[in-house]
């Protein structure tokens, strides 16, 4: 749990080195870790029933431009992702 949180930028490592594809990394926060391609899928997946599938898929990773949510892009990406697993929205 602590290791995962250090990898994903929730905690900052106080010693040791994290290597990713031959380079040392030190995620500053969760957004920085996501930019590096590191994220977490927790076992306790509690979906929010008042939100759409796309909203649930992109929690804290919503596509934005100039700070505004790009809903059509998010829905398109969600549809493509679900289709890749054989589901339709």
PDB file of N, CA and C in Angstrom:
ATOM      1  N   UNK A   1       0.821  -1.198   0.000  1.00  0.00           N
ATOM      2  CA  UNK A   1       0.000   0.000   0.000  1.00  0.00           C
ATOM      3  C   UNK A   1       0.866   1.264   0.000  1.00  0.00           C
ATOM      4  N   UNK A   2       1.875   1.308   0.869  1.00  0.00           N
ATOM      5  CA  UNK A   2       2.762   2.471   0.918  1.00  0.00           C
ATOM      6  C   UNK A   2       3.567   2.578  -0.366  1.00  0.00           C
ATOM      7  N   UNK A   3       4.036   1.447  -0.879  1.00  0.00           N
ATOM      8  CA  UNK A   3       4.795   1.454  -2.130  1.00  0.00           C
ATOM      9  C   UNK A   3       3.943   1.988  -3.272  1.00  0.00           C
ATOM     10  N   UNK A   4       2.720   1.525  -3.383  1.00  0.00           N
ATOM     11  CA  UNK A   4       1.828   1.993  -4.449  1.00  0.00           C
ATOM     12  C   UNK A   4       1.599   3.493  -4.313  1.00  0.00           C
ATOM     13  N   UNK A   5       1.404   3.958  -3.095  1.00  0.00           N
ATOM     14  CA  UNK A   5       1.178   5.389  -2.885  1.00  0.00           C
ATOM     15  C   UNK A   5       2.416   6.204  -3.232  1.00  0.00           C
ATOM     16  N   UNK A   6       3.604   5.664  -3.000  1.00  0.00           N
ATOM     17  CA  UNK A   6       4.831   6.360  -3.407  1.00  0.00           C
ATOM     18  C   UNK A   6       4.953   6.375  -4.929  1.00  0.00           C
ATOM     19  N   UNK A   7       4.617   5.257  -5.572  1.00  0.00           N
ATOM     20  CA  UNK A   7       4.685   5.192  -7.036  1.00  0.00           C
ATOM     21  C   UNK A   7       3.704   6.151  -7.699  1.00  0.00           C
ATOM     22  N   UNK A   8       2.547   6.335  -7.082  1.00  0.00           N
ATOM     23  CA  UNK A   8       1.499   7.153  -7.695  1.00  0.00           C
ATOM     24  C   UNK A   8       1.500   8.598  -7.225  1.00  0.00           C
ATOM     25  N   UNK A   9       2.499   8.988  -6.424  1.00  0.00           N
ATOM     26  CA  UNK A   9       2.621  10.387  -6.037  1.00  0.00           C
ATOM     27  C   UNK A   9       1.791  10.805  -4.845  1.00  0.00           C
ATOM     28  N   UNK A  10       1.119   9.858  -4.189  1.00  0.00           N
ATOM     29  CA  UNK A  10       0.355  10.197  -2.987  1.00  0.00           C
ATOM     30  C   UNK A  10       1.325  10.485  -1.852  1.00  0.00           C
ATOM     31  N   UNK A  11       2.342   9.612  -1.704  1.00  0.00           N
ATOM     32  CA  UNK A  11       3.410   9.805  -0.722  1.00  0.00           C
ATOM     33  C   UNK A  11       4.690  10.120  -1.468  1.00  0.00           C
ATOM     34  N   UNK A  12       5.609  10.787  -0.788  1.00  0.00           N
ATOM     35  CA  UNK A  12       6.931  11.044  -1.355  1.00  0.00           C
ATOM     36  C   UNK A  12       7.919  10.105  -0.675  1.00  0.00           C
ATOM     37  N   UNK A  13       8.709   9.406  -1.479  1.00  0.00           N
ATOM     38  CA  UNK A  13       9.688   8.468  -0.937  1.00  0.00           C
ATOM     39  C   UNK A  13      10.750   9.242  -0.165  1.00  0.00           C
ATOM     40  N   UNK A  14      11.091   8.763   1.035  1.00  0.00           N
ATOM     41  CA  UNK A  14      12.119   9.443   1.815  1.00  0.00           C
ATOM     42  C   UNK A  14      13.495   8.830   1.597  1.00  0.00           C
ATOM     43  N   UNK A  15      13.528   7.704   0.911  1.00  0.00           N
ATOM     44  CA  UNK A  15      14.802   7.100   0.526  1.00  0.00           C
ATOM     45  C   UNK A  15      14.543   6.101  -0.596  1.00  0.00           C
ATOM     46  N   UNK A  16      15.609   5.717  -1.252  1.00  0.00           N
ATOM     47  CA  UNK A  16      15.483   4.773  -2.352  1.00  0.00           C
ATOM     48  C   UNK A  16      15.238   5.484  -3.677  1.00  0.00           C
ATOM     49  N   UNK A  17      15.197   4.703  -4.732  1.00  0.00           N
ATOM     50  CA  UNK A  17      15.053   5.235  -6.083  1.00  0.00           C
ATOM     51  C   UNK A  17      13.964   4.462  -6.811  1.00  0.00           C
ATOM     52  N   UNK A  18      13.150   5.175  -7.553  1.00  0.00           N
ATOM     53  CA  UNK A  18      12.124   4.556  -8.389  1.00  0.00           C
ATOM     54  C   UNK A  18      12.595   4.676  -9.836  1.00  0.00           C
ATOM     55  N   UNK A  19      12.652   3.543 -10.511  1.00  0.00           N
ATOM     56  CA  UNK A  19      13.080   3.506 -11.905  1.00  0.00           C
ATOM     57  C   UNK A  19      11.890   3.175 -12.794  1.00  0.00           C
ATOM     58  N   UNK A  20      11.794   3.885 -13.910  1.00  0.00           N
ATOM     59  CA  UNK A  20      10.761   3.614 -14.904  1.00  0.00           C
ATOM     60  C   UNK A  20      11.398   3.703 -16.278  1.00  0.00           C
ATOM     61  N   UNK A  21      11.420   2.581 -16.974  1.00  0.00           N
ATOM     62  CA  UNK A  21      11.986   2.514 -18.324  1.00  0.00           C
ATOM     63  C   UNK A  21      13.399   3.086 -18.378  1.00  0.00           C
ATOM     64  N   UNK A  22      14.230   2.696 -17.397  1.00  0.00           N
ATOM     65  CA  UNK A  22      15.632   3.085 -17.394  1.00  0.00           C
ATOM     66  C   UNK A  22      15.934   4.470 -16.854  1.00  0.00           C
ATOM     67  N   UNK A  23      14.933   5.180 -16.382  1.00  0.00           N
ATOM     68  CA  UNK A  23      15.145   6.527 -15.838  1.00  0.00           C
ATOM     69  C   UNK A  23      14.597   6.596 -14.424  1.00  0.00           C
ATOM     70  N   UNK A  24      15.281   7.375 -13.576  1.00  0.00           N
ATOM     71  CA  UNK A  24      14.758   7.565 -12.228  1.00  0.00           C
ATOM     72  C   UNK A  24      13.623   8.579 -12.285  1.00  0.00           C
ATOM     73  N   UNK A  25      12.614   8.323 -11.480  1.00  0.00           N
ATOM     74  CA  UNK A  25      11.473   9.232 -11.420  1.00  0.00           C
ATOM     75  C   UNK A  25      11.152   9.538  -9.966  1.00  0.00           C
ATOM     76  N   UNK A  26      10.489  10.647  -9.752  1.00  0.00           N
ATOM     77  CA  UNK A  26      10.029  11.030  -8.422  1.00  0.00           C
ATOM     78  C   UNK A  26       8.725  11.791  -8.590  1.00  0.00           C
ATOM     79  N   UNK A  27       7.602  11.064  -8.687  1.00  0.00           N
ATOM     80  CA  UNK A  27       6.321  11.737  -8.902  1.00  0.00           C
ATOM     81  C   UNK A  27       6.040  12.764  -7.810  1.00  0.00           C
ATOM     82  N   UNK A  28       5.773  13.993  -8.233  1.00  0.00           N
ATOM     83  CA  UNK A  28       5.512  15.086  -7.293  1.00  0.00           C
ATOM     84  C   UNK A  28       4.112  15.001  -6.698  1.00  0.00           C
ATOM     85  N   UNK A  29       3.168  14.463  -7.484  1.00  0.00           N
ATOM     86  CA  UNK A  29       1.777  14.336  -7.047  1.00  0.00           C
ATOM     87  C   UNK A  29       1.092  13.328  -7.973  1.00  0.00           C
ATOM     88  N   UNK A  30      -0.178  13.078  -7.741  1.00  0.00           N
ATOM     89  CA  UNK A  30      -0.875  12.072  -8.554  1.00  0.00           C
ATOM     90  C   UNK A  30      -0.983  12.484 -10.018  1.00  0.00           C
ATOM     91  N   UNK A  31      -1.165  13.774 -10.268  1.00  0.00           N
ATOM     92  CA  UNK A  31      -1.254  14.243 -11.660  1.00  0.00           C
ATOM     93  C   UNK A  31       0.064  14.002 -12.384  1.00  0.00           C
ATOM     94  N   UNK A  32       1.181  14.268 -11.709  1.00  0.00           N
ATOM     95  CA  UNK A  32       2.494  14.036 -12.316  1.00  0.00           C
ATOM     96  C   UNK A  32       2.699  12.539 -12.580  1.00  0.00           C
ATOM     97  N   UNK A  33       2.302  11.691 -11.633  1.00  0.00           N
ATOM     98  CA  UNK A  33       2.415  10.243 -11.827  1.00  0.00           C
ATOM     99  C   UNK A  33       1.595   9.806 -13.039  1.00  0.00           C
ATOM    100  N   UNK A  34       0.397  10.363 -13.187  1.00  0.00           N
ATOM    101  CA  UNK A  34      -0.444  10.017 -14.337  1.00  0.00           C
ATOM    102  C   UNK A  34       0.206  10.457 -15.640  1.00  0.00           C
ATOM    103  N   UNK A  35       0.883  11.605 -15.635  1.00  0.00           N
ATOM    104  CA  UNK A  35       1.597  12.049 -16.832  1.00  0.00           C
ATOM    105  C   UNK A  35       2.710  11.070 -17.192  1.00  0.00           C
ATOM    106  N   UNK A  36       3.281  10.439 -16.167  1.00  0.00           N
ATOM    107  CA  UNK A  36       4.333   9.443 -16.390  1.00  0.00           C
ATOM    108  C   UNK A  36       3.761   8.084 -16.787  1.00  0.00           C
ATOM    109  N   UNK A  37       2.431   7.960 -16.759  1.00  0.00           N
ATOM    110  CA  UNK A  37       1.779   6.712 -17.130  1.00  0.00           C
ATOM    111  C   UNK A  37       1.525   5.781 -15.959  1.00  0.00           C
ATOM    112  N   UNK A  38       1.591   6.328 -14.739  1.00  0.00           N
ATOM    113  CA  UNK A  38       1.393   5.517 -13.534  1.00  0.00           C
ATOM    114  C   UNK A  38       0.069   5.892 -12.894  1.00  0.00           C
ATOM    115  N   UNK A  39      -0.758   4.907 -12.646  1.00  0.00           N
ATOM    116  CA  UNK A  39      -2.035   5.134 -11.982  1.00  0.00           C
ATOM    117  C   UNK A  39      -2.374   3.939 -11.120  1.00  0.00           C
ATOM    118  N   UNK A  40      -3.453   4.021 -10.408  1.00  0.00           N
ATOM    119  CA  UNK A  40      -3.865   2.952  -9.502  1.00  0.00           C
ATOM    120  C   UNK A  40      -5.294   2.543  -9.798  1.00  0.00           C
ATOM    121  N   UNK A  41      -5.537   1.252  -9.777  1.00  0.00           N
ATOM    122  CA  UNK A  41      -6.895   0.724  -9.815  1.00  0.00           C
ATOM    123  C   UNK A  41      -7.071  -0.018  -8.500  1.00  0.00           C
ATOM    124  N   UNK A  42      -7.892   0.526  -7.629  1.00  0.00           N
ATOM    125  CA  UNK A  42      -8.081  -0.062  -6.310  1.00  0.00           C
ATOM    126  C   UNK A  42      -9.051  -1.231  -6.382  1.00  0.00           C
ATOM    127  N   UNK A  43      -8.905  -2.177  -5.467  1.00  0.00           N
ATOM    128  CA  UNK A  43      -9.782  -3.343  -5.435  1.00  0.00           C
ATOM    129  C   UNK A  43     -11.201  -2.961  -5.066  1.00  0.00           C
ATOM    130  N   UNK A  44     -11.349  -1.978  -4.209  1.00  0.00           N
ATOM    131  CA  UNK A  44     -12.678  -1.544  -3.784  1.00  0.00           C
ATOM    132  C   UNK A  44     -13.211  -0.545  -4.797  1.00  0.00           C
ATOM    133  N   UNK A  45     -13.762  -1.056  -5.866  1.00  0.00           N
ATOM    134  CA  UNK A  45     -14.277  -0.184  -6.914  1.00  0.00           C
ATOM    135  C   UNK A  45     -15.718   0.176  -6.559  1.00  0.00           C
ATOM    136  N   UNK A  46     -15.888   1.341  -6.015  1.00  0.00           N
ATOM    137  CA  UNK A  46     -17.222   1.825  -5.661  1.00  0.00           C
ATOM    138  C   UNK A  46     -17.628   2.873  -6.684  1.00  0.00           C
ATOM    139  N   UNK A  47     -18.391   2.452  -7.654  1.00  0.00           N
ATOM    140  CA  UNK A  47     -18.842   3.389  -8.671  1.00  0.00           C
ATOM    141  C   UNK A  47     -19.859   4.339  -8.073  1.00  0.00           C
ATOM    142  N   UNK A  48     -19.916   5.497  -8.647  1.00  0.00           N
ATOM    143  CA  UNK A  48     -20.864   6.503  -8.189  1.00  0.00           C
ATOM    144  C   UNK A  48     -22.121   6.386  -9.039  1.00  0.00           C
ATOM    145  N   UNK A  49     -23.218   5.875  -8.483  1.00  0.00           N
ATOM    146  CA  UNK A  49     -24.411   5.573  -9.273  1.00  0.00           C
ATOM    147  C   UNK A  49     -25.084   6.796  -9.881  1.00  0.00           C
ATOM    148  N   UNK A  50     -24.822   7.972  -9.337  1.00  0.00           N
ATOM    149  CA  UNK A  50     -25.440   9.180  -9.881  1.00  0.00           C
ATOM    150  C   UNK A  50     -24.630   9.765 -11.038  1.00  0.00           C
ATOM    151  N   UNK A  51     -23.528   9.095 -11.404  1.00  0.00           N
ATOM    152  CA  UNK A  51     -22.683   9.572 -12.497  1.00  0.00           C
ATOM    153  C   UNK A  51     -22.742   8.592 -13.663  1.00  0.00           C
ATOM    154  N   UNK A  52     -22.453   9.088 -14.858  1.00  0.00           N
ATOM    155  CA  UNK A  52     -22.448   8.236 -16.050  1.00  0.00           C
ATOM    156  C   UNK A  52     -21.239   7.299 -16.032  1.00  0.00           C
ATOM    157  N   UNK A  53     -21.254   6.316 -16.931  1.00  0.00           N
ATOM    158  CA  UNK A  53     -20.117   5.413 -17.075  1.00  0.00           C
ATOM    159  C   UNK A  53     -18.871   6.221 -17.413  1.00  0.00           C
ATOM    160  N   UNK A  54     -18.984   7.146 -18.351  1.00  0.00           N
ATOM    161  CA  UNK A  54     -17.840   7.976 -18.735  1.00  0.00           C
ATOM    162  C   UNK A  54     -17.320   8.765 -17.543  1.00  0.00           C
ATOM    163  N   UNK A  55     -18.217   9.343 -16.757  1.00  0.00           N
ATOM    164  CA  UNK A  55     -17.798  10.102 -15.577  1.00  0.00           C
ATOM    165  C   UNK A  55     -17.037   9.205 -14.602  1.00  0.00           C
ATOM    166  N   UNK A  56     -17.530   7.994 -14.379  1.00  0.00           N
ATOM    167  CA  UNK A  56     -16.860   7.062 -13.475  1.00  0.00           C
ATOM    168  C   UNK A  56     -15.500   6.637 -14.018  1.00  0.00           C
ATOM    169  N   UNK A  57     -15.405   6.400 -15.326  1.00  0.00           N
ATOM    170  CA  UNK A  57     -14.134   5.979 -15.914  1.00  0.00           C
ATOM    171  C   UNK A  57     -13.060   7.053 -15.817  1.00  0.00           C
ATOM    172  N   UNK A  58     -13.470   8.309 -15.878  1.00  0.00           N
ATOM    173  CA  UNK A  58     -12.497   9.394 -15.944  1.00  0.00           C
ATOM    174  C   UNK A  58     -12.407  10.220 -14.661  1.00  0.00           C
ATOM    175  N   UNK A  59     -12.849   9.649 -13.537  1.00  0.00           N
ATOM    176  CA  UNK A  59     -12.747  10.380 -12.272  1.00  0.00           C
ATOM    177  C   UNK A  59     -11.299  10.822 -12.070  1.00  0.00           C
ATOM    178  N   UNK A  60     -11.113  12.100 -11.869  1.00  0.00           N
ATOM    179  CA  UNK A  60      -9.806  12.729 -11.631  1.00  0.00           C
ATOM    180  C   UNK A  60      -8.879  12.683 -12.846  1.00  0.00           C
ATOM    181  N   UNK A  61      -9.389  12.289 -14.015  1.00  0.00           N
ATOM    182  CA  UNK A  61      -8.590  12.265 -15.243  1.00  0.00           C
ATOM    183  C   UNK A  61      -9.390  12.799 -16.419  1.00  0.00           C
ATOM    184  N   UNK A  62     -10.349  13.654 -16.142  1.00  0.00           N
ATOM    185  CA  UNK A  62     -11.233  14.166 -17.178  1.00  0.00           C
ATOM    186  C   UNK A  62     -10.437  14.971 -18.208  1.00  0.00           C
ATOM    187  N   UNK A  63     -10.705  14.746 -19.508  1.00  0.00           N
ATOM    188  CA  UNK A  63     -10.034  15.565 -20.520  1.00  0.00           C
ATOM    189  C   UNK A  63     -10.551  17.000 -20.447  1.00  0.00           C
ATOM    190  N   UNK A  64      -9.606  17.926 -20.367  1.00  0.00           N
ATOM    191  CA  UNK A  64      -9.982  19.338 -20.260  1.00  0.00           C
ATOM    192  C   UNK A  64      -9.152  20.166 -21.226  1.00  0.00           C
ATOM    193  N   UNK A  65      -9.696  21.318 -21.537  1.00  0.00           N
ATOM    194  CA  UNK A  65      -8.969  22.304 -22.343  1.00  0.00           C
ATOM    195  C   UNK A  65      -9.288  23.660 -21.747  1.00  0.00           C
ATOM    196  N   UNK A  66      -8.247  24.377 -21.396  1.00  0.00           N
ATOM    197  CA  UNK A  66      -8.399  25.680 -20.746  1.00  0.00           C
ATOM    198  C   UNK A  66      -9.239  25.560 -19.473  1.00  0.00           C
ATOM    199  N   UNK A  67      -9.103  24.422 -18.788  1.00  0.00           N
ATOM    200  CA  UNK A  67      -9.825  24.201 -17.547  1.00  0.00           C
ATOM    201  C   UNK A  67     -11.271  23.764 -17.709  1.00  0.00           C
ATOM    202  N   UNK A  68     -11.742  23.655 -18.943  1.00  0.00           N
ATOM    203  CA  UNK A  68     -13.134  23.265 -19.195  1.00  0.00           C
ATOM    204  C   UNK A  68     -13.208  21.796 -19.601  1.00  0.00           C
ATOM    205  N   UNK A  69     -14.180  21.104 -19.061  1.00  0.00           N
ATOM    206  CA  UNK A  69     -14.382  19.693 -19.361  1.00  0.00           C
ATOM    207  C   UNK A  69     -14.729  19.497 -20.830  1.00  0.00           C
ATOM    208  N   UNK A  70     -14.061  18.551 -21.459  1.00  0.00           N
ATOM    209  CA  UNK A  70     -14.344  18.206 -22.854  1.00  0.00           C
ATOM    210  C   UNK A  70     -15.217  16.949 -22.854  1.00  0.00           C
ATOM    211  N   UNK A  71     -16.501  17.151 -22.572  1.00  0.00           N
ATOM    212  CA  UNK A  71     -17.443  16.044 -22.377  1.00  0.00           C
ATOM    213  C   UNK A  71     -17.530  15.140 -23.611  1.00  0.00           C
ATOM    214  N   UNK A  72     -17.638  15.714 -24.822  1.00  0.00           N
ATOM    215  CA  UNK A  72     -17.769  14.876 -26.026  1.00  0.00           C
ATOM    216  C   UNK A  72     -16.544  13.986 -26.201  1.00  0.00           C
ATOM    217  N   UNK A  73     -15.369  14.543 -25.955  1.00  0.00           N
ATOM    218  CA  UNK A  73     -14.144  13.742 -26.055  1.00  0.00           C
ATOM    219  C   UNK A  73     -14.146  12.636 -25.000  1.00  0.00           C
ATOM    220  N   UNK A  74     -14.558  12.971 -23.785  1.00  0.00           N
ATOM    221  CA  UNK A  74     -14.604  11.988 -22.709  1.00  0.00           C
ATOM    222  C   UNK A  74     -15.570  10.858 -23.056  1.00  0.00           C
ATOM    223  N   UNK A  75     -16.740  11.200 -23.564  1.00  0.00           N
ATOM    224  CA  UNK A  75     -17.727  10.181 -23.922  1.00  0.00           C
ATOM    225  C   UNK A  75     -17.242   9.323 -25.086  1.00  0.00           C
ATOM    226  N   UNK A  76     -16.566   9.945 -26.055  1.00  0.00           N
ATOM    227  CA  UNK A  76     -16.022   9.194 -27.193  1.00  0.00           C
ATOM    228  C   UNK A  76     -14.959   8.210 -26.711  1.00  0.00           C
ATOM    229  N   UNK A  77     -14.057   8.674 -25.866  1.00  0.00           N
ATOM    230  CA  UNK A  77     -13.000   7.807 -25.350  1.00  0.00           C
ATOM    231  C   UNK A  77     -13.577   6.690 -24.487  1.00  0.00           C
ATOM    232  N   UNK A  78     -14.595   7.000 -23.701  1.00  0.00           N
ATOM    233  CA  UNK A  78     -15.243   5.981 -22.871  1.00  0.00           C
ATOM    234  C   UNK A  78     -15.896   4.920 -23.754  1.00  0.00           C
ATOM    235  N   UNK A  79     -16.571   5.351 -24.814  1.00  0.00           N
ATOM    236  CA  UNK A  79     -17.218   4.420 -25.744  1.00  0.00           C
ATOM    237  C   UNK A  79     -16.182   3.512 -26.394  1.00  0.00           C
ATOM    238  N   UNK A  80     -15.052   4.087 -26.826  1.00  0.00           N
ATOM    239  CA  UNK A  80     -13.987   3.300 -27.448  1.00  0.00           C
ATOM    240  C   UNK A  80     -13.387   2.304 -26.454  1.00  0.00           C
ATOM    241  N   UNK A  81     -13.165   2.757 -25.238  1.00  0.00           N
ATOM    242  CA  UNK A  81     -12.597   1.879 -24.219  1.00  0.00           C
ATOM    243  C   UNK A  81     -13.529   0.712 -23.915  1.00  0.00           C
ATOM    244  N   UNK A  82     -14.799   1.018 -23.723  1.00  0.00           N
ATOM    245  CA  UNK A  82     -15.771  -0.037 -23.431  1.00  0.00           C
ATOM    246  C   UNK A  82     -15.889  -1.004 -24.610  1.00  0.00           C
ATOM    247  N   UNK A  83     -15.868  -0.492 -25.840  1.00  0.00           N
ATOM    248  CA  UNK A  83     -15.946  -1.339 -27.033  1.00  0.00           C
ATOM    249  C   UNK A  83     -14.744  -2.278 -27.117  1.00  0.00           C
ATOM    250  N   UNK A  84     -13.578  -1.807 -26.683  1.00  0.00           N
ATOM    251  CA  UNK A  84     -12.384  -2.657 -26.731  1.00  0.00           C
ATOM    252  C   UNK A  84     -12.510  -3.865 -25.807  1.00  0.00           C
ATOM    253  N   UNK A  85     -13.429  -3.796 -24.838  1.00  0.00           N
ATOM    254  CA  UNK A  85     -13.693  -4.920 -23.938  1.00  0.00           C
ATOM    255  C   UNK A  85     -15.007  -5.629 -24.276  1.00  0.00           C
ATOM    256  N   UNK A  86     -15.607  -5.245 -25.402  1.00  0.00           N
ATOM    257  CA  UNK A  86     -16.823  -5.912 -25.853  1.00  0.00           C
ATOM    258  C   UNK A  86     -18.111  -5.384 -25.241  1.00  0.00           C
ATOM    259  N   UNK A  87     -18.053  -4.190 -24.655  1.00  0.00           N
ATOM    260  CA  UNK A  87     -19.246  -3.579 -24.064  1.00  0.00           C
ATOM    261  C   UNK A  87     -19.691  -2.402 -24.916  1.00  0.00           C
ATOM    262  N   UNK A  88     -20.961  -2.083 -24.852  1.00  0.00           N
ATOM    263  CA  UNK A  88     -21.451  -0.887 -25.539  1.00  0.00           C
ATOM    264  C   UNK A  88     -22.138   0.014 -24.524  1.00  0.00           C
ATOM    265  N   UNK A  89     -22.108   1.291 -24.824  1.00  0.00           N
ATOM    266  CA  UNK A  89     -22.763   2.265 -23.938  1.00  0.00           C
ATOM    267  C   UNK A  89     -24.069   2.697 -24.537  1.00  0.00           C
TER     268      UNK A  89
END
